[in-house]
Amino acid sequence: MDRVKDFIASYLTGFLSILLVLNVIIIFFSMMGITWQQFLQFTSNMTTLISDSSHYILHDSHQTGTDDLHVIRRVSGVVADPNIKLVCSDETFAQAAAKVRPGVVSITCDVFRSDGNSVGATSFDDPAPNLSILGGIGSGIIVEKSGYILTCYHMVATATNIYVIPFGYEEKKYKAKITAIDETLNLAILKINCPYPLKEVCLGDSGMIEIADLVLAIGNPFGLEQSVTHGVISDSQRDLMIKGRIYRDMIQTDAPINKGSSGGALVNMSGEVIGINMAIYSSTGVYNGISFALPINQAKQLLAKNLNISTF
C-alpha cells in the first residue's frame, strides 16, 4: 500500500512539475507577443525541419502557370532565381559608345572669328581660335550616309573654309558646305562629298528621357577626336537665354562638355543620339559641372524638311 502511495505521489509531483514548466513557457511567449497557436505551429515546423533534411536546401516552391513550375531556391540565405538579372545588363557604356563613335565627326576650318563670349554666364562652348592647330573647332554627327552632317550653327557661322574629318577611316579632310541652317535652334546641316558611304548615327526619342538617366557625351573637346564622357540627365526642360535668344526645353547634364564638343552627340544607353551638345555654364570658360544639349526631337523637323527623309 505504501508503494502505491509513493507511486501516486511521484506521478503527481512529476505531473505538477510539467504543468509548472508549461505555465512558465506560456507566460514567456505571452510576454514575447507569441500566441499559443503560433507556438504550436513553430513546434510543428521544427519537427518537420528536423525530420526532413531536404528542407535545409529547398525553402519553398510555387507554380506560376499550368505548364511552368517556377522554383526559388534559398541556399544559406542566398536566393537563386532565373528572373533576377543585372540592371542594364544588355547595354554597357562601351557598347553604347561603339554604336555612335563612328558617326561623330571632327570639324575644322581655316579661320574662326570668335565673338567673345561672356565668362560667368550660360553660353555656347565656342572654340578658341588656336583649336584649329589641335585639329578641330568642333563636332558633328552623320545623319545620312551620303555625307550630311548635323552640327551647331554658332560654330560654323563665322568659320572660313569648313572641313569635316570622318572617324575610323584614313584621316582626310573633306571640304564642307552649309546646306541648311536654323538660327532659332542653333543648328546647321553640312554636306561633304565622300567616296565611301559614311556610318550614320541612330536618332533616339528625346521625349522618353527621364531625370537621372545615364548618358554619354561624344565629341572633340580641345581637338581630341571622339572623346567619350559620361554623366546623368540633370533636367530635361531647361529654358536658357543665350546671346539674347531663348532656347527652350534644353537637356541639362553633368556629362563633361568642353570647347570643341559643340555639335557632338548626347547618347543614351541604347546607343541612340538624344541630344546635340551645345552649351555650358561656367565661370572659367571650360566645363564646370553643368552642360546643355538640344533635344534631338527639336532637330528632326529640320532634318526632315531638308533631307526629305520621312523616318526623321
C-alpha atoms as a PDB file:
ATOM      1  CA  MET A   1       0.000   0.000   0.000  1.00  0.00           C
ATOM      2  CA  ASP A   2       2.864   2.331   0.828  1.00  0.00           C
ATOM      3  CA  ARG A   3       4.382   1.607  -2.607  1.00  0.00           C
ATOM      4  CA  VAL A   4       1.131   2.658  -4.303  1.00  0.00           C
ATOM      5  CA  LYS A   5       1.032   5.865  -2.315  1.00  0.00           C
ATOM      6  CA  ASP A   6       4.666   6.612  -3.197  1.00  0.00           C
ATOM      7  CA  PHE A   7       3.966   5.925  -6.888  1.00  0.00           C
ATOM      8  CA  ILE A   8       0.923   8.209  -6.949  1.00  0.00           C
ATOM      9  CA  ALA A   9       2.842  10.912  -5.072  1.00  0.00           C
ATOM     10  CA  SER A  10       5.749  10.677  -7.533  1.00  0.00           C
ATOM     11  CA  TYR A  11       3.384  10.731 -10.507  1.00  0.00           C
ATOM     12  CA  LEU A  12       1.515  13.774  -9.202  1.00  0.00           C
ATOM     13  CA  THR A  13       4.791  15.534  -8.435  1.00  0.00           C
ATOM     14  CA  GLY A  14       6.039  14.920 -11.980  1.00  0.00           C
ATOM     15  CA  PHE A  15       2.743  15.995 -13.498  1.00  0.00           C
ATOM     16  CA  LEU A  16       2.667  19.186 -11.453  1.00  0.00           C
ATOM     17  CA  SER A  17       6.262  19.887 -12.483  1.00  0.00           C
ATOM     18  CA  ILE A  18       5.325  19.553 -16.160  1.00  0.00           C
ATOM     19  CA  LEU A  19       2.356  21.876 -15.683  1.00  0.00           C
ATOM     20  CA  LEU A  20       4.619  24.380 -13.936  1.00  0.00           C
ATOM     21  CA  VAL A  21       7.130  24.304 -16.822  1.00  0.00           C
ATOM     22  CA  LEU A  22       4.347  24.713 -19.391  1.00  0.00           C
ATOM     23  CA  ASN A  23       2.936  27.592 -17.413  1.00  0.00           C
ATOM     24  CA  VAL A  24       6.320  29.302 -17.390  1.00  0.00           C
ATOM     25  CA  ILE A  25       6.680  28.768 -21.176  1.00  0.00           C
ATOM     26  CA  ILE A  26       3.205  30.178 -21.819  1.00  0.00           C
ATOM     27  CA  ILE A  27       3.973  33.239 -19.715  1.00  0.00           C
ATOM     28  CA  PHE A  28       7.292  33.731 -21.561  1.00  0.00           C
ATOM     29  CA  PHE A  29       5.730  33.523 -25.056  1.00  0.00           C
ATOM     30  CA  SER A  30       2.873  35.783 -23.927  1.00  0.00           C
ATOM     31  CA  MET A  31       5.410  38.393 -22.923  1.00  0.00           C
ATOM     32  CA  MET A  32       7.027  37.998 -26.367  1.00  0.00           C
ATOM     33  CA  GLY A  33       3.663  38.515 -28.092  1.00  0.00           C
ATOM     34  CA  ILE A  34       3.503  34.922 -29.402  1.00  0.00           C
ATOM     35  CA  THR A  35       0.115  33.194 -29.185  1.00  0.00           C
ATOM     36  CA  TRP A  36      -0.407  29.554 -28.212  1.00  0.00           C
ATOM     37  CA  GLN A  37      -1.395  28.695 -31.780  1.00  0.00           C
ATOM     38  CA  GLN A  38       1.794  30.261 -33.134  1.00  0.00           C
ATOM     39  CA  PHE A  39       3.815  28.298 -30.615  1.00  0.00           C
ATOM     40  CA  LEU A  40       2.197  25.032 -31.748  1.00  0.00           C
ATOM     41  CA  GLN A  41       2.869  25.948 -35.409  1.00  0.00           C
ATOM     42  CA  PHE A  42       6.521  26.718 -34.580  1.00  0.00           C
ATOM     43  CA  THR A  43       6.856  23.343 -32.855  1.00  0.00           C
ATOM     44  CA  SER A  44       5.334  21.580 -35.856  1.00  0.00           C
ATOM     45  CA  ASN A  45       7.682  23.383 -38.267  1.00  0.00           C
ATOM     46  CA  MET A  46      10.720  22.498 -36.200  1.00  0.00           C
ATOM     47  CA  THR A  47       9.671  18.842 -36.118  1.00  0.00           C
ATOM     48  CA  THR A  48       9.233  18.806 -39.916  1.00  0.00           C
ATOM     49  CA  LEU A  49      12.578  20.573 -40.486  1.00  0.00           C
ATOM     50  CA  ILE A  50      14.446  18.071 -38.295  1.00  0.00           C
ATOM     51  CA  SER A  51      12.787  15.001 -39.777  1.00  0.00           C
ATOM     52  CA  ASP A  52      13.212  16.047 -43.465  1.00  0.00           C
ATOM     53  CA  SER A  53      16.774  17.026 -44.452  1.00  0.00           C
ATOM     54  CA  SER A  54      15.683  18.359 -47.847  1.00  0.00           C
ATOM     55  CA  HIS A  55      14.327  21.460 -46.120  1.00  0.00           C
ATOM     56  CA  TYR A  56      17.884  22.520 -45.431  1.00  0.00           C
ATOM     57  CA  ILE A  57      18.234  23.255 -49.186  1.00  0.00           C
ATOM     58  CA  LEU A  58      14.742  23.713 -50.653  1.00  0.00           C
ATOM     59  CA  HIS A  59      12.978  26.529 -48.882  1.00  0.00           C
ATOM     60  CA  ASP A  60       9.768  26.783 -50.870  1.00  0.00           C
ATOM     61  CA  SER A  61       8.354  26.352 -54.329  1.00  0.00           C
ATOM     62  CA  HIS A  62       5.288  27.577 -56.145  1.00  0.00           C
ATOM     63  CA  GLN A  63       3.701  27.027 -59.532  1.00  0.00           C
ATOM     64  CA  THR A  64       3.302  30.153 -61.665  1.00  0.00           C
ATOM     65  CA  GLY A  65       1.393  28.556 -64.534  1.00  0.00           C
ATOM     66  CA  THR A  66      -0.247  25.385 -65.667  1.00  0.00           C
ATOM     67  CA  ASP A  67       2.842  24.300 -67.612  1.00  0.00           C
ATOM     68  CA  ASP A  68       5.616  26.201 -65.851  1.00  0.00           C
ATOM     69  CA  LEU A  69       6.974  25.140 -62.485  1.00  0.00           C
ATOM     70  CA  HIS A  70       8.985  28.015 -61.056  1.00  0.00           C
ATOM     71  CA  VAL A  71      11.222  27.139 -58.139  1.00  0.00           C
ATOM     72  CA  ILE A  72      13.003  29.671 -55.948  1.00  0.00           C
ATOM     73  CA  ARG A  73      15.924  28.197 -54.034  1.00  0.00           C
ATOM     74  CA  ARG A  74      17.363  29.811 -50.948  1.00  0.00           C
ATOM     75  CA  VAL A  75      20.723  28.351 -50.013  1.00  0.00           C
ATOM     76  CA  SER A  76      22.445  29.730 -46.918  1.00  0.00           C
ATOM     77  CA  GLY A  77      20.316  32.881 -47.157  1.00  0.00           C
ATOM     78  CA  VAL A  78      21.070  33.469 -50.885  1.00  0.00           C
ATOM     79  CA  VAL A  79      18.107  33.498 -53.282  1.00  0.00           C
ATOM     80  CA  ALA A  80      18.737  31.854 -56.670  1.00  0.00           C
ATOM     81  CA  ASP A  81      16.068  32.841 -59.209  1.00  0.00           C
ATOM     82  CA  PRO A  82      16.390  32.883 -63.039  1.00  0.00           C
ATOM     83  CA  ASN A  83      14.276  36.072 -63.155  1.00  0.00           C
ATOM     84  CA  ILE A  84      16.854  38.019 -61.144  1.00  0.00           C
ATOM     85  CA  LYS A  85      19.045  39.903 -63.643  1.00  0.00           C
ATOM     86  CA  LEU A  86      21.512  42.766 -63.568  1.00  0.00           C
ATOM     87  CA  VAL A  87      20.014  46.147 -64.450  1.00  0.00           C
ATOM     88  CA  CYS A  88      21.154  47.352 -67.909  1.00  0.00           C
ATOM     89  CA  SER A  89      22.953  44.053 -68.462  1.00  0.00           C
ATOM     90  CA  ASP A  90      22.154  44.248 -72.195  1.00  0.00           C
ATOM     91  CA  GLU A  91      23.901  47.584 -72.746  1.00  0.00           C
ATOM     92  CA  THR A  92      27.142  48.967 -71.330  1.00  0.00           C
ATOM     93  CA  PHE A  93      28.989  52.252 -71.763  1.00  0.00           C
ATOM     94  CA  ALA A  94      31.361  50.554 -74.193  1.00  0.00           C
ATOM     95  CA  GLN A  95      28.555  49.106 -76.329  1.00  0.00           C
ATOM     96  CA  ALA A  96      26.638  52.393 -76.461  1.00  0.00           C
ATOM     97  CA  ALA A  97      29.771  54.367 -77.360  1.00  0.00           C
ATOM     98  CA  ALA A  98      30.779  51.847 -80.043  1.00  0.00           C
ATOM     99  CA  LYS A  99      27.445  52.345 -81.821  1.00  0.00           C
ATOM    100  CA  VAL A 100      27.798  56.136 -82.050  1.00  0.00           C
ATOM    101  CA  ARG A 101      31.529  56.976 -82.244  1.00  0.00           C
ATOM    102  CA  PRO A 102      31.871  56.110 -85.963  1.00  0.00           C
ATOM    103  CA  GLY A 103      29.072  58.591 -86.671  1.00  0.00           C
ATOM    104  CA  VAL A 104      30.710  61.528 -84.860  1.00  0.00           C
ATOM    105  CA  VAL A 105      32.992  63.706 -86.988  1.00  0.00           C
ATOM    106  CA  SER A 106      35.563  66.373 -86.303  1.00  0.00           C
ATOM    107  CA  ILE A 107      35.002  69.790 -87.862  1.00  0.00           C
ATOM    108  CA  THR A 108      37.768  72.273 -88.565  1.00  0.00           C
ATOM    109  CA  CYS A 109      38.319  75.383 -90.662  1.00  0.00           C
ATOM    110  CA  ASP A 110      40.982  77.747 -91.935  1.00  0.00           C
ATOM    111  CA  VAL A 111      39.845  80.762 -89.918  1.00  0.00           C
ATOM    112  CA  PHE A 112      37.474  81.108 -86.982  1.00  0.00           C
ATOM    113  CA  ARG A 113      36.380  84.506 -85.654  1.00  0.00           C
ATOM    114  CA  SER A 114      35.204  84.402 -82.042  1.00  0.00           C
ATOM    115  CA  ASP A 115      32.586  86.928 -80.956  1.00  0.00           C
ATOM    116  CA  GLY A 116      33.874  86.943 -77.373  1.00  0.00           C
ATOM    117  CA  ASN A 117      31.525  85.011 -75.114  1.00  0.00           C
ATOM    118  CA  SER A 118      30.997  86.460 -71.668  1.00  0.00           C
ATOM    119  CA  VAL A 119      32.538  84.339 -68.937  1.00  0.00           C
ATOM    120  CA  GLY A 120      30.348  83.514 -65.939  1.00  0.00           C
ATOM    121  CA  ALA A 121      27.122  83.102 -67.907  1.00  0.00           C
ATOM    122  CA  THR A 122      25.423  80.369 -69.859  1.00  0.00           C
ATOM    123  CA  SER A 123      26.998  80.406 -73.296  1.00  0.00           C
ATOM    124  CA  PHE A 124      27.806  78.310 -76.324  1.00  0.00           C
ATOM    125  CA  ASP A 125      31.086  76.489 -75.924  1.00  0.00           C
ATOM    126  CA  ASP A 126      32.738  78.388 -78.761  1.00  0.00           C
ATOM    127  CA  PRO A 127      36.097  77.009 -79.828  1.00  0.00           C
ATOM    128  CA  ALA A 128      39.158  79.107 -79.165  1.00  0.00           C
ATOM    129  CA  PRO A 129      40.984  80.315 -82.287  1.00  0.00           C
ATOM    130  CA  ASN A 130      44.013  78.134 -81.527  1.00  0.00           C
ATOM    131  CA  LEU A 131      41.874  74.976 -81.616  1.00  0.00           C
ATOM    132  CA  SER A 132      42.424  74.799 -85.364  1.00  0.00           C
ATOM    133  CA  ILE A 133      46.044  73.971 -84.542  1.00  0.00           C
ATOM    134  CA  LEU A 134      44.873  70.993 -82.464  1.00  0.00           C
ATOM    135  CA  GLY A 135      42.931  69.636 -85.431  1.00  0.00           C
ATOM    136  CA  GLY A 136      39.367  70.838 -84.965  1.00  0.00           C
ATOM    137  CA  ILE A 137      36.980  73.547 -83.836  1.00  0.00           C
ATOM    138  CA  GLY A 138      34.021  71.333 -83.033  1.00  0.00           C
ATOM    139  CA  SER A 139      31.977  68.220 -83.704  1.00  0.00           C
ATOM    140  CA  GLY A 140      29.093  66.950 -85.773  1.00  0.00           C
ATOM    141  CA  ILE A 141      27.022  63.816 -86.289  1.00  0.00           C
ATOM    142  CA  ILE A 142      26.425  61.962 -89.539  1.00  0.00           C
ATOM    143  CA  VAL A 143      22.672  61.865 -90.218  1.00  0.00           C
ATOM    144  CA  GLU A 144      22.813  60.486 -93.766  1.00  0.00           C
ATOM    145  CA  LYS A 145      25.442  58.144 -95.187  1.00  0.00           C
ATOM    146  CA  SER A 146      25.844  60.163 -98.392  1.00  0.00           C
ATOM    147  CA  GLY A 147      27.589  62.896 -96.407  1.00  0.00           C
ATOM    148  CA  TYR A 148      25.096  65.038 -94.482  1.00  0.00           C
ATOM    149  CA  ILE A 149      26.337  66.284 -91.116  1.00  0.00           C
ATOM    150  CA  LEU A 150      24.289  67.928 -88.343  1.00  0.00           C
ATOM    151  CA  THR A 151      26.164  70.411 -86.158  1.00  0.00           C
ATOM    152  CA  CYS A 152      25.777  73.696 -84.265  1.00  0.00           C
ATOM    153  CA  TYR A 153      25.289  76.863 -86.288  1.00  0.00           C
ATOM    154  CA  HIS A 154      27.253  79.116 -83.912  1.00  0.00           C
ATOM    155  CA  MET A 155      30.337  77.009 -84.585  1.00  0.00           C
ATOM    156  CA  VAL A 156      30.347  77.389 -88.364  1.00  0.00           C
ATOM    157  CA  ALA A 157      28.654  80.782 -88.721  1.00  0.00           C
ATOM    158  CA  THR A 158      31.939  82.696 -88.569  1.00  0.00           C
ATOM    159  CA  ALA A 159      34.206  79.966 -89.935  1.00  0.00           C
ATOM    160  CA  THR A 160      36.019  80.250 -93.242  1.00  0.00           C
ATOM    161  CA  ASN A 161      36.626  77.140 -95.372  1.00  0.00           C
ATOM    162  CA  ILE A 162      34.960  74.424 -93.290  1.00  0.00           C
ATOM    163  CA  TYR A 163      36.292  70.869 -93.358  1.00  0.00           C
ATOM    164  CA  VAL A 164      34.976  67.578 -91.954  1.00  0.00           C
ATOM    165  CA  ILE A 165      37.159  64.679 -90.806  1.00  0.00           C
ATOM    166  CA  PRO A 166      35.218  61.371 -90.554  1.00  0.00           C
ATOM    167  CA  PHE A 167      36.231  58.930 -87.846  1.00  0.00           C
ATOM    168  CA  GLY A 168      37.532  55.410 -88.378  1.00  0.00           C
ATOM    169  CA  TYR A 169      38.939  55.897 -91.855  1.00  0.00           C
ATOM    170  CA  GLU A 170      42.209  57.203 -93.220  1.00  0.00           C
ATOM    171  CA  GLU A 171      42.421  60.734 -91.875  1.00  0.00           C
ATOM    172  CA  LYS A 172      41.418  63.144 -94.584  1.00  0.00           C
ATOM    173  CA  LYS A 173      39.688  66.491 -94.591  1.00  0.00           C
ATOM    174  CA  TYR A 174      36.658  66.896 -96.828  1.00  0.00           C
ATOM    175  CA  LYS A 175      35.522  70.353 -97.816  1.00  0.00           C
ATOM    176  CA  ALA A 176      32.051  71.033 -96.436  1.00  0.00           C
ATOM    177  CA  LYS A 177      29.325  73.440 -97.436  1.00  0.00           C
ATOM    178  CA  ILE A 178      26.391  74.661 -95.359  1.00  0.00           C
ATOM    179  CA  THR A 179      23.137  73.425 -96.933  1.00  0.00           C
ATOM    180  CA  ALA A 180      20.643  74.498 -94.268  1.00  0.00           C
ATOM    181  CA  ILE A 181      20.509  76.447 -91.014  1.00  0.00           C
ATOM    182  CA  ASP A 182      18.031  77.125 -88.232  1.00  0.00           C
ATOM    183  CA  GLU A 183      19.241  80.002 -86.088  1.00  0.00           C
ATOM    184  CA  THR A 184      16.320  79.604 -83.678  1.00  0.00           C
ATOM    185  CA  LEU A 185      17.659  76.146 -82.777  1.00  0.00           C
ATOM    186  CA  ASN A 186      21.339  76.976 -83.389  1.00  0.00           C
ATOM    187  CA  LEU A 187      21.612  74.140 -85.924  1.00  0.00           C
ATOM    188  CA  ALA A 188      23.289  73.747 -89.297  1.00  0.00           C
ATOM    189  CA  ILE A 189      23.445  70.950 -91.852  1.00  0.00           C
ATOM    190  CA  LEU A 190      26.720  70.421 -93.708  1.00  0.00           C
ATOM    191  CA  LYS A 191      27.341  68.370 -96.848  1.00  0.00           C
ATOM    192  CA  ILE A 192      30.586  66.671 -97.848  1.00  0.00           C
ATOM    193  CA  ASN A 193      31.380  64.567-100.914  1.00  0.00           C
ATOM    194  CA  CYS A 194      32.929  61.367 -99.616  1.00  0.00           C
ATOM    195  CA  PRO A 195      33.950  58.459-101.907  1.00  0.00           C
ATOM    196  CA  TYR A 196      32.589  55.871 -99.476  1.00  0.00           C
ATOM    197  CA  PRO A 197      29.304  55.609 -97.523  1.00  0.00           C
ATOM    198  CA  LEU A 198      29.530  57.053 -94.041  1.00  0.00           C
ATOM    199  CA  LYS A 199      28.284  55.467 -90.815  1.00  0.00           C
ATOM    200  CA  GLU A 200      25.198  57.375 -89.768  1.00  0.00           C
ATOM    201  CA  VAL A 201      24.032  57.580 -86.163  1.00  0.00           C
ATOM    202  CA  CYS A 202      20.737  56.264 -84.843  1.00  0.00           C
ATOM    203  CA  LEU A 203      18.443  59.022 -83.627  1.00  0.00           C
ATOM    204  CA  GLY A 204      16.505  58.282 -80.454  1.00  0.00           C
ATOM    205  CA  ASP A 205      13.417  59.836 -78.882  1.00  0.00           C
ATOM    206  CA  SER A 206      14.414  62.649 -76.529  1.00  0.00           C
ATOM    207  CA  GLY A 207      10.833  62.771 -75.291  1.00  0.00           C
ATOM    208  CA  MET A 208      11.420  59.480 -73.486  1.00  0.00           C
ATOM    209  CA  ILE A 209      14.321  60.623 -71.318  1.00  0.00           C
ATOM    210  CA  GLU A 210      13.938  60.850 -67.551  1.00  0.00           C
ATOM    211  CA  ILE A 211      15.811  62.651 -64.824  1.00  0.00           C
ATOM    212  CA  ALA A 212      18.901  60.686 -63.671  1.00  0.00           C
ATOM    213  CA  ASP A 213      19.124  58.614 -66.886  1.00  0.00           C
ATOM    214  CA  LEU A 214      22.717  57.686 -67.731  1.00  0.00           C
ATOM    215  CA  VAL A 215      24.115  59.407 -70.817  1.00  0.00           C
ATOM    216  CA  LEU A 216      27.356  59.675 -72.790  1.00  0.00           C
ATOM    217  CA  ALA A 217      28.757  62.786 -74.453  1.00  0.00           C
ATOM    218  CA  ILE A 218      30.846  62.129 -77.565  1.00  0.00           C
ATOM    219  CA  GLY A 219      32.744  64.861 -79.348  1.00  0.00           C
ATOM    220  CA  ASN A 220      36.097  66.549 -79.953  1.00  0.00           C
ATOM    221  CA  PRO A 221      36.914  68.696 -76.903  1.00  0.00           C
ATOM    222  CA  PHE A 222      40.083  70.736 -77.465  1.00  0.00           C
ATOM    223  CA  GLY A 223      40.553  68.897 -80.744  1.00  0.00           C
ATOM    224  CA  LEU A 224      40.743  65.452 -79.108  1.00  0.00           C
ATOM    225  CA  GLU A 225      38.698  63.399 -81.583  1.00  0.00           C
ATOM    226  CA  GLN A 226      35.807  61.178 -80.473  1.00  0.00           C
ATOM    227  CA  SER A 227      36.363  61.655 -76.742  1.00  0.00           C
ATOM    228  CA  VAL A 228      33.713  59.975 -74.573  1.00  0.00           C
ATOM    229  CA  THR A 229      32.496  61.251 -71.203  1.00  0.00           C
ATOM    230  CA  HIS A 230      29.515  60.188 -69.127  1.00  0.00           C
ATOM    231  CA  GLY A 231      27.004  61.601 -66.667  1.00  0.00           C
ATOM    232  CA  VAL A 232      23.287  61.748 -65.940  1.00  0.00           C
ATOM    233  CA  ILE A 233      20.307  63.794 -67.081  1.00  0.00           C
ATOM    234  CA  SER A 234      20.026  66.612 -64.525  1.00  0.00           C
ATOM    235  CA  ASP A 235      16.961  68.253 -66.096  1.00  0.00           C
ATOM    236  CA  SER A 236      15.039  67.737 -69.318  1.00  0.00           C
ATOM    237  CA  GLN A 237      13.179  71.050 -69.700  1.00  0.00           C
ATOM    238  CA  ARG A 238      15.622  73.849 -69.004  1.00  0.00           C
ATOM    239  CA  ASP A 239      14.903  77.191 -70.695  1.00  0.00           C
ATOM    240  CA  LEU A 240      18.090  79.170 -71.441  1.00  0.00           C
ATOM    241  CA  MET A 241      18.855  82.700 -72.584  1.00  0.00           C
ATOM    242  CA  ILE A 242      21.991  82.668 -74.741  1.00  0.00           C
ATOM    243  CA  LYS A 243      23.118  85.756 -76.637  1.00  0.00           C
ATOM    244  CA  GLY A 244      19.666  87.297 -76.419  1.00  0.00           C
ATOM    245  CA  ARG A 245      17.818  84.236 -77.726  1.00  0.00           C
ATOM    246  CA  ILE A 246      15.728  81.828 -75.646  1.00  0.00           C
ATOM    247  CA  TYR A 247      16.288  78.103 -76.180  1.00  0.00           C
ATOM    248  CA  ARG A 248      13.510  76.069 -74.606  1.00  0.00           C
ATOM    249  CA  ASP A 249      13.412  72.583 -73.085  1.00  0.00           C
ATOM    250  CA  MET A 250      17.166  72.085 -73.218  1.00  0.00           C
ATOM    251  CA  ILE A 251      18.654  68.949 -71.674  1.00  0.00           C
ATOM    252  CA  GLN A 252      20.888  69.660 -68.682  1.00  0.00           C
ATOM    253  CA  THR A 253      23.555  67.092 -67.863  1.00  0.00           C
ATOM    254  CA  ASP A 254      26.713  66.773 -65.801  1.00  0.00           C
ATOM    255  CA  ALA A 255      28.492  64.915 -68.607  1.00  0.00           C
ATOM    256  CA  PRO A 256      31.638  66.974 -69.334  1.00  0.00           C
ATOM    257  CA  ILE A 257      31.323  69.137 -72.454  1.00  0.00           C
ATOM    258  CA  ASN A 258      34.174  71.472 -73.363  1.00  0.00           C
ATOM    259  CA  LYS A 259      35.305  73.781 -76.146  1.00  0.00           C
ATOM    260  CA  GLY A 260      35.184  71.731 -79.321  1.00  0.00           C
ATOM    261  CA  SER A 261      32.361  69.495 -78.076  1.00  0.00           C
ATOM    262  CA  SER A 262      29.658  71.610 -79.736  1.00  0.00           C
ATOM    263  CA  GLY A 263      27.735  69.617 -82.311  1.00  0.00           C
ATOM    264  CA  GLY A 264      28.669  66.312 -80.724  1.00  0.00           C
ATOM    265  CA  ALA A 265      26.260  63.623 -79.596  1.00  0.00           C
ATOM    266  CA  LEU A 266      24.486  63.134 -76.289  1.00  0.00           C
ATOM    267  CA  VAL A 267      23.782  59.399 -76.227  1.00  0.00           C
ATOM    268  CA  ASN A 268      21.504  57.129 -74.186  1.00  0.00           C
ATOM    269  CA  MET A 269      22.464  53.654 -73.016  1.00  0.00           C
ATOM    270  CA  SER A 270      20.866  52.104 -76.106  1.00  0.00           C
ATOM    271  CA  GLY A 271      23.390  53.853 -78.334  1.00  0.00           C
ATOM    272  CA  GLU A 272      20.889  56.410 -79.673  1.00  0.00           C
ATOM    273  CA  VAL A 273      21.514  60.130 -80.074  1.00  0.00           C
ATOM    274  CA  ILE A 274      19.075  62.031 -77.876  1.00  0.00           C
ATOM    275  CA  GLY A 275      20.684  65.460 -77.978  1.00  0.00           C
ATOM    276  CA  ILE A 276      23.193  67.785 -79.667  1.00  0.00           C
ATOM    277  CA  ASN A 277      25.827  69.072 -77.245  1.00  0.00           C
ATOM    278  CA  MET A 278      25.722  72.845 -77.372  1.00  0.00           C
ATOM    279  CA  ALA A 279      26.356  74.977 -74.291  1.00  0.00           C
ATOM    280  CA  ILE A 280      27.898  75.173 -70.829  1.00  0.00           C
ATOM    281  CA  TYR A 281      27.547  77.249 -67.685  1.00  0.00           C
ATOM    282  CA  SER A 282      30.965  78.141 -66.409  1.00  0.00           C
ATOM    283  CA  SER A 283      32.846  80.843 -64.579  1.00  0.00           C
ATOM    284  CA  THR A 284      36.090  79.831 -66.277  1.00  0.00           C
ATOM    285  CA  GLY A 285      35.065  79.210 -69.877  1.00  0.00           C
ATOM    286  CA  VAL A 286      35.546  75.441 -69.572  1.00  0.00           C
ATOM    287  CA  TYR A 287      33.453  72.625 -68.071  1.00  0.00           C
ATOM    288  CA  ASN A 288      32.296  73.428 -64.550  1.00  0.00           C
ATOM    289  CA  GLY A 289      29.795  70.637 -63.898  1.00  0.00           C
ATOM    290  CA  ILE A 290      26.839  71.933 -65.943  1.00  0.00           C
ATOM    291  CA  SER A 291      26.330  71.253 -69.655  1.00  0.00           C
ATOM    292  CA  PHE A 292      23.400  71.608 -72.042  1.00  0.00           C
ATOM    293  CA  ALA A 293      22.246  69.797 -75.175  1.00  0.00           C
ATOM    294  CA  LEU A 294      19.451  70.479 -77.639  1.00  0.00           C
ATOM    295  CA  PRO A 295      16.886  67.616 -77.621  1.00  0.00           C
ATOM    296  CA  ILE A 296      17.167  65.647 -80.849  1.00  0.00           C
ATOM    297  CA  ASN A 297      13.391  65.759 -81.354  1.00  0.00           C
ATOM    298  CA  GLN A 298      13.690  69.507 -81.962  1.00  0.00           C
ATOM    299  CA  ALA A 299      16.215  68.843 -84.728  1.00  0.00           C
ATOM    300  CA  LYS A 300      14.146  66.192 -86.513  1.00  0.00           C
ATOM    301  CA  GLN A 301      11.888  68.720 -88.279  1.00  0.00           C
ATOM    302  CA  LEU A 302      14.905  70.488 -89.781  1.00  0.00           C
ATOM    303  CA  LEU A 303      16.309  67.165 -90.968  1.00  0.00           C
ATOM    304  CA  ALA A 304      13.008  66.018 -92.444  1.00  0.00           C
ATOM    305  CA  LYS A 305      12.487  69.285 -94.284  1.00  0.00           C
ATOM    306  CA  ASN A 306      15.942  69.486 -95.828  1.00  0.00           C
ATOM    307  CA  LEU A 307      16.867  65.848 -96.338  1.00  0.00           C
ATOM    308  CA  ASN A 308      13.395  64.610 -97.357  1.00  0.00           C
ATOM    309  CA  ILE A 309      13.767  61.513 -95.185  1.00  0.00           C
ATOM    310  CA  SER A 310      10.403  60.549 -93.694  1.00  0.00           C
ATOM    311  CA  THR A 311      11.929  58.478 -90.913  1.00  0.00           C
ATOM    312  CA  PHE A 312      13.010  61.679 -89.205  1.00  0.00           C
END
